[in-house]
Amino acid sequence: MWELMTVMSQSGRRGALIVVEPDAAQLPRGSKTAQNLARRLTQLQAEADLLHIKVFAVTSIEAAATALAAFADPA
């Protein structure tokens, strides 16, 4: 349903990229699976905040590429 990938920029900034499958993003809002996913994403964000890690939640490869480009150090 989702995958967590960690990334690091050349300056040493750390990031976490959460790739959520499109099917998961389309779950009915009140479903137990959607609630569990939302709770887990909230937990991951809280943990990341403590470590000063940027978290991106994306629903596609294209969105992942955009998030990584925004995170990467400028050339």
Foldseek 3Di string as FASTA:
>chain_A
DKDWDWDAAPVGAIAIEIEDAPVLVPDDCPDPSVVVVVVVVVVVVVVCVVVVYHYHYYHDPVVVVVVVVVVYDDD
